[in-house]
Amino acid sequence: MSGARHRPRLAVTALLRRAGPRTLRGRPSLVAVTTATPVALGLTAAFDVVAQ
């Protein structure tokens, strides 16, 4: 019984590990992409306002 209890927990843990970056190199790149996207959108919107 105890083995069956721990299997879903291990599956969830494995899924969470795969969702995030595996190394420390992946984290800064993930942060860079997530911060660059709103900045690019904001600059595009600002340029559109100024251009009109």
PDB file of N, CA and C in Angstrom:
ATOM      1  N   MET A   1       0.812  -1.189   0.000  1.00  0.00           N
ATOM      2  CA  MET A   1       0.000   0.000   0.000  1.00  0.00           C
ATOM      3  C   MET A   1       0.865   1.267   0.000  1.00  0.00           C
ATOM      4  N   SER A   2       1.922   1.273   0.765  1.00  0.00           N
ATOM      5  CA  SER A   2       2.714   2.494   0.853  1.00  0.00           C
ATOM      6  C   SER A   2       3.411   2.804  -0.471  1.00  0.00           C
ATOM      7  N   GLY A   3       3.744   1.766  -1.258  1.00  0.00           N
ATOM      8  CA  GLY A   3       4.359   1.994  -2.551  1.00  0.00           C
ATOM      9  C   GLY A   3       3.413   2.698  -3.506  1.00  0.00           C
ATOM     10  N   ALA A   4       2.146   2.349  -3.466  1.00  0.00           N
ATOM     11  CA  ALA A   4       1.152   2.982  -4.332  1.00  0.00           C
ATOM     12  C   ALA A   4       0.917   4.436  -3.928  1.00  0.00           C
ATOM     13  N   ARG A   5       1.092   4.730  -2.675  1.00  0.00           N
ATOM     14  CA  ARG A   5       0.905   6.109  -2.215  1.00  0.00           C
ATOM     15  C   ARG A   5       2.001   7.026  -2.738  1.00  0.00           C
ATOM     16  N   HIS A   6       3.202   6.523  -2.819  1.00  0.00           N
ATOM     17  CA  HIS A   6       4.332   7.370  -3.194  1.00  0.00           C
ATOM     18  C   HIS A   6       4.483   7.551  -4.703  1.00  0.00           C
ATOM     19  N   ARG A   7       3.878   6.714  -5.491  1.00  0.00           N
ATOM     20  CA  ARG A   7       4.035   6.830  -6.940  1.00  0.00           C
ATOM     21  C   ARG A   7       3.493   8.141  -7.505  1.00  0.00           C
ATOM     22  N   PRO A   8       2.285   8.576  -7.157  1.00  0.00           N
ATOM     23  CA  PRO A   8       1.821   9.864  -7.694  1.00  0.00           C
ATOM     24  C   PRO A   8       2.706  11.021  -7.265  1.00  0.00           C
ATOM     25  N   ARG A   9       3.213  10.939  -6.067  1.00  0.00           N
ATOM     26  CA  ARG A   9       4.073  12.009  -5.581  1.00  0.00           C
ATOM     27  C   ARG A   9       5.345  12.095  -6.422  1.00  0.00           C
ATOM     28  N   LEU A  10       5.917  10.942  -6.747  1.00  0.00           N
ATOM     29  CA  LEU A  10       7.120  10.929  -7.574  1.00  0.00           C
ATOM     30  C   LEU A  10       6.825  11.434  -8.978  1.00  0.00           C
ATOM     31  N   ALA A  11       5.680  11.094  -9.503  1.00  0.00           N
ATOM     32  CA  ALA A  11       5.319  11.557 -10.847  1.00  0.00           C
ATOM     33  C   ALA A  11       5.154  13.073 -10.873  1.00  0.00           C
ATOM     34  N   VAL A  12       4.540  13.618  -9.852  1.00  0.00           N
ATOM     35  CA  VAL A  12       4.355  15.073  -9.777  1.00  0.00           C
ATOM     36  C   VAL A  12       5.703  15.755  -9.624  1.00  0.00           C
ATOM     37  N   THR A  13       6.574  15.197  -8.804  1.00  0.00           N
ATOM     38  CA  THR A  13       7.905  15.775  -8.606  1.00  0.00           C
ATOM     39  C   THR A  13       8.695  15.754  -9.909  1.00  0.00           C
ATOM     40  N   ALA A  14       8.631  14.653 -10.636  1.00  0.00           N
ATOM     41  CA  ALA A  14       9.341  14.566 -11.912  1.00  0.00           C
ATOM     42  C   ALA A  14       8.785  15.570 -12.910  1.00  0.00           C
ATOM     43  N   LEU A  15       7.489  15.746 -12.920  1.00  0.00           N
ATOM     44  CA  LEU A  15       6.864  16.703 -13.836  1.00  0.00           C
ATOM     45  C   LEU A  15       7.305  18.125 -13.503  1.00  0.00           C
ATOM     46  N   LEU A  16       7.365  18.448 -12.230  1.00  0.00           N
ATOM     47  CA  LEU A  16       7.786  19.787 -11.831  1.00  0.00           C
ATOM     48  C   LEU A  16       9.254  20.027 -12.166  1.00  0.00           C
ATOM     49  N   ARG A  17      10.067  19.008 -12.053  1.00  0.00           N
ATOM     50  CA  ARG A  17      11.482  19.171 -12.404  1.00  0.00           C
ATOM     51  C   ARG A  17      11.655  19.416 -13.883  1.00  0.00           C
ATOM     52  N   ARG A  18      10.867  18.749 -14.713  1.00  0.00           N
ATOM     53  CA  ARG A  18      10.975  18.919 -16.156  1.00  0.00           C
ATOM     54  C   ARG A  18      10.453  20.272 -16.594  1.00  0.00           C
ATOM     55  N   ALA A  19       9.490  20.828 -15.875  1.00  0.00           N
ATOM     56  CA  ALA A  19       8.894  22.108 -16.261  1.00  0.00           C
ATOM     57  C   ALA A  19       9.894  23.245 -16.117  1.00  0.00           C
ATOM     58  N   GLY A  20      10.740  23.171 -15.111  1.00  0.00           N
ATOM     59  CA  GLY A  20      11.712  24.226 -14.881  1.00  0.00           C
ATOM     60  C   GLY A  20      13.045  23.895 -15.505  1.00  0.00           C
ATOM     61  N   PRO A  21      13.935  24.859 -15.547  1.00  0.00           N
ATOM     62  CA  PRO A  21      15.256  24.602 -16.109  1.00  0.00           C
ATOM     63  C   PRO A  21      16.050  23.633 -15.235  1.00  0.00           C
ATOM     64  N   ARG A  22      16.853  22.802 -15.868  1.00  0.00           N
ATOM     65  CA  ARG A  22      17.613  21.799 -15.127  1.00  0.00           C
ATOM     66  C   ARG A  22      18.905  22.355 -14.555  1.00  0.00           C
ATOM     67  N   THR A  23      19.473  23.368 -15.184  1.00  0.00           N
ATOM     68  CA  THR A  23      20.748  23.909 -14.728  1.00  0.00           C
ATOM     69  C   THR A  23      20.585  25.371 -14.359  1.00  0.00           C
ATOM     70  N   LEU A  24      21.602  25.921 -13.729  1.00  0.00           N
ATOM     71  CA  LEU A  24      21.575  27.342 -13.396  1.00  0.00           C
ATOM     72  C   LEU A  24      21.703  28.202 -14.643  1.00  0.00           C
ATOM     73  N   ARG A  25      22.269  27.659 -15.713  1.00  0.00           N
ATOM     74  CA  ARG A  25      22.369  28.424 -16.955  1.00  0.00           C
ATOM     75  C   ARG A  25      20.995  28.659 -17.555  1.00  0.00           C
ATOM     76  N   GLY A  26      20.077  27.721 -17.361  1.00  0.00           N
ATOM     77  CA  GLY A  26      18.743  27.857 -17.924  1.00  0.00           C
ATOM     78  C   GLY A  26      17.919  28.923 -17.241  1.00  0.00           C
ATOM     79  N   ARG A  27      18.159  29.153 -15.966  1.00  0.00           N
ATOM     80  CA  ARG A  27      17.358  30.138 -15.224  1.00  0.00           C
ATOM     81  C   ARG A  27      17.585  31.562 -15.691  1.00  0.00           C
ATOM     82  N   PRO A  28      18.818  32.022 -15.831  1.00  0.00           N
ATOM     83  CA  PRO A  28      18.994  33.393 -16.331  1.00  0.00           C
ATOM     84  C   PRO A  28      18.425  33.584 -17.730  1.00  0.00           C
ATOM     85  N   SER A  29      18.540  32.570 -18.571  1.00  0.00           N
ATOM     86  CA  SER A  29      17.983  32.723 -19.915  1.00  0.00           C
ATOM     87  C   SER A  29      16.466  32.771 -19.865  1.00  0.00           C
ATOM     88  N   LEU A  30      15.866  32.002 -18.975  1.00  0.00           N
ATOM     89  CA  LEU A  30      14.415  32.040 -18.812  1.00  0.00           C
ATOM     90  C   LEU A  30      13.977  33.408 -18.302  1.00  0.00           C
ATOM     91  N   VAL A  31      14.715  33.964 -17.357  1.00  0.00           N
ATOM     92  CA  VAL A  31      14.406  35.299 -16.830  1.00  0.00           C
ATOM     93  C   VAL A  31      14.592  36.344 -17.928  1.00  0.00           C
ATOM     94  N   ALA A  32      15.623  36.200 -18.727  1.00  0.00           N
ATOM     95  CA  ALA A  32      15.877  37.160 -19.801  1.00  0.00           C
ATOM     96  C   ALA A  32      14.751  37.158 -20.825  1.00  0.00           C
ATOM     97  N   VAL A  33      14.292  35.984 -21.182  1.00  0.00           N
ATOM     98  CA  VAL A  33      13.209  35.900 -22.172  1.00  0.00           C
ATOM     99  C   VAL A  33      11.920  36.467 -21.606  1.00  0.00           C
ATOM    100  N   THR A  34      11.613  36.138 -20.350  1.00  0.00           N
ATOM    101  CA  THR A  34      10.356  36.614 -19.769  1.00  0.00           C
ATOM    102  C   THR A  34      10.369  38.111 -19.499  1.00  0.00           C
ATOM    103  N   THR A  35      11.531  38.698 -19.282  1.00  0.00           N
ATOM    104  CA  THR A  35      11.580  40.151 -19.101  1.00  0.00           C
ATOM    105  C   THR A  35      11.694  40.876 -20.435  1.00  0.00           C
ATOM    106  N   ALA A  36      12.330  40.267 -21.408  1.00  0.00           N
ATOM    107  CA  ALA A  36      12.493  40.926 -22.699  1.00  0.00           C
ATOM    108  C   ALA A  36      11.176  41.018 -23.455  1.00  0.00           C
ATOM    109  N   THR A  37      10.306  40.052 -23.264  1.00  0.00           N
ATOM    110  CA  THR A  37       9.035  40.053 -23.990  1.00  0.00           C
ATOM    111  C   THR A  37       8.176  41.266 -23.639  1.00  0.00           C
ATOM    112  N   PRO A  38       7.899  41.543 -22.365  1.00  0.00           N
ATOM    113  CA  PRO A  38       7.093  42.750 -22.075  1.00  0.00           C
ATOM    114  C   PRO A  38       7.805  44.041 -22.442  1.00  0.00           C
ATOM    115  N   VAL A  39       9.125  44.065 -22.328  1.00  0.00           N
ATOM    116  CA  VAL A  39       9.864  45.271 -22.708  1.00  0.00           C
ATOM    117  C   VAL A  39       9.709  45.519 -24.202  1.00  0.00           C
ATOM    118  N   ALA A  40       9.839  44.467 -25.004  1.00  0.00           N
ATOM    119  CA  ALA A  40       9.683  44.615 -26.456  1.00  0.00           C
ATOM    120  C   ALA A  40       8.266  45.051 -26.803  1.00  0.00           C
ATOM    121  N   LEU A  41       7.275  44.482 -26.142  1.00  0.00           N
ATOM    122  CA  LEU A  41       5.893  44.886 -26.390  1.00  0.00           C
ATOM    123  C   LEU A  41       5.657  46.341 -25.991  1.00  0.00           C
ATOM    124  N   GLY A  42       6.215  46.736 -24.869  1.00  0.00           N
ATOM    125  CA  GLY A  42       6.070  48.122 -24.417  1.00  0.00           C
ATOM    126  C   GLY A  42       6.738  49.106 -25.360  1.00  0.00           C
ATOM    127  N   LEU A  43       7.931  48.767 -25.824  1.00  0.00           N
ATOM    128  CA  LEU A  43       8.619  49.648 -26.769  1.00  0.00           C
ATOM    129  C   LEU A  43       7.880  49.730 -28.095  1.00  0.00           C
ATOM    130  N   THR A  44       7.327  48.623 -28.526  1.00  0.00           N
ATOM    131  CA  THR A  44       6.549  48.622 -29.769  1.00  0.00           C
ATOM    132  C   THR A  44       5.319  49.512 -29.637  1.00  0.00           C
ATOM    133  N   ALA A  45       4.626  49.396 -28.523  1.00  0.00           N
ATOM    134  CA  ALA A  45       3.430  50.220 -28.295  1.00  0.00           C
ATOM    135  C   ALA A  45       3.811  51.697 -28.209  1.00  0.00           C
ATOM    136  N   ALA A  46       4.912  52.002 -27.520  1.00  0.00           N
ATOM    137  CA  ALA A  46       5.357  53.395 -27.411  1.00  0.00           C
ATOM    138  C   ALA A  46       5.747  53.947 -28.775  1.00  0.00           C
ATOM    139  N   PHE A  47       6.428  53.160 -29.581  1.00  0.00           N
ATOM    140  CA  PHE A  47       6.810  53.606 -30.914  1.00  0.00           C
ATOM    141  C   PHE A  47       5.588  53.854 -31.780  1.00  0.00           C
ATOM    142  N   ASP A  48       4.593  53.000 -31.669  1.00  0.00           N
ATOM    143  CA  ASP A  48       3.363  53.175 -32.443  1.00  0.00           C
ATOM    144  C   ASP A  48       2.653  54.469 -32.055  1.00  0.00           C
ATOM    145  N   VAL A  49       2.652  54.784 -30.773  1.00  0.00           N
ATOM    146  CA  VAL A  49       2.002  56.009 -30.310  1.00  0.00           C
ATOM    147  C   VAL A  49       2.745  57.231 -30.813  1.00  0.00           C
ATOM    148  N   VAL A  50       4.064  57.198 -30.756  1.00  0.00           N
ATOM    149  CA  VAL A  50       4.875  58.334 -31.205  1.00  0.00           C
ATOM    150  C   VAL A  50       4.794  58.479 -32.721  1.00  0.00           C
ATOM    151  N   ALA A  51       4.747  57.365 -33.440  1.00  0.00           N
ATOM    152  CA  ALA A  51       4.734  57.413 -34.904  1.00  0.00           C
ATOM    153  C   ALA A  51       3.413  57.971 -35.448  1.00  0.00           C
ATOM    154  N   GLN A  52       2.345  57.862 -34.697  1.00  0.00           N
ATOM    155  CA  GLN A  52       1.071  58.358 -35.201  1.00  0.00           C
ATOM    156  C   GLN A  52       0.940  59.798 -34.953  1.00  0.00           C
TER     157      GLN A  52
END
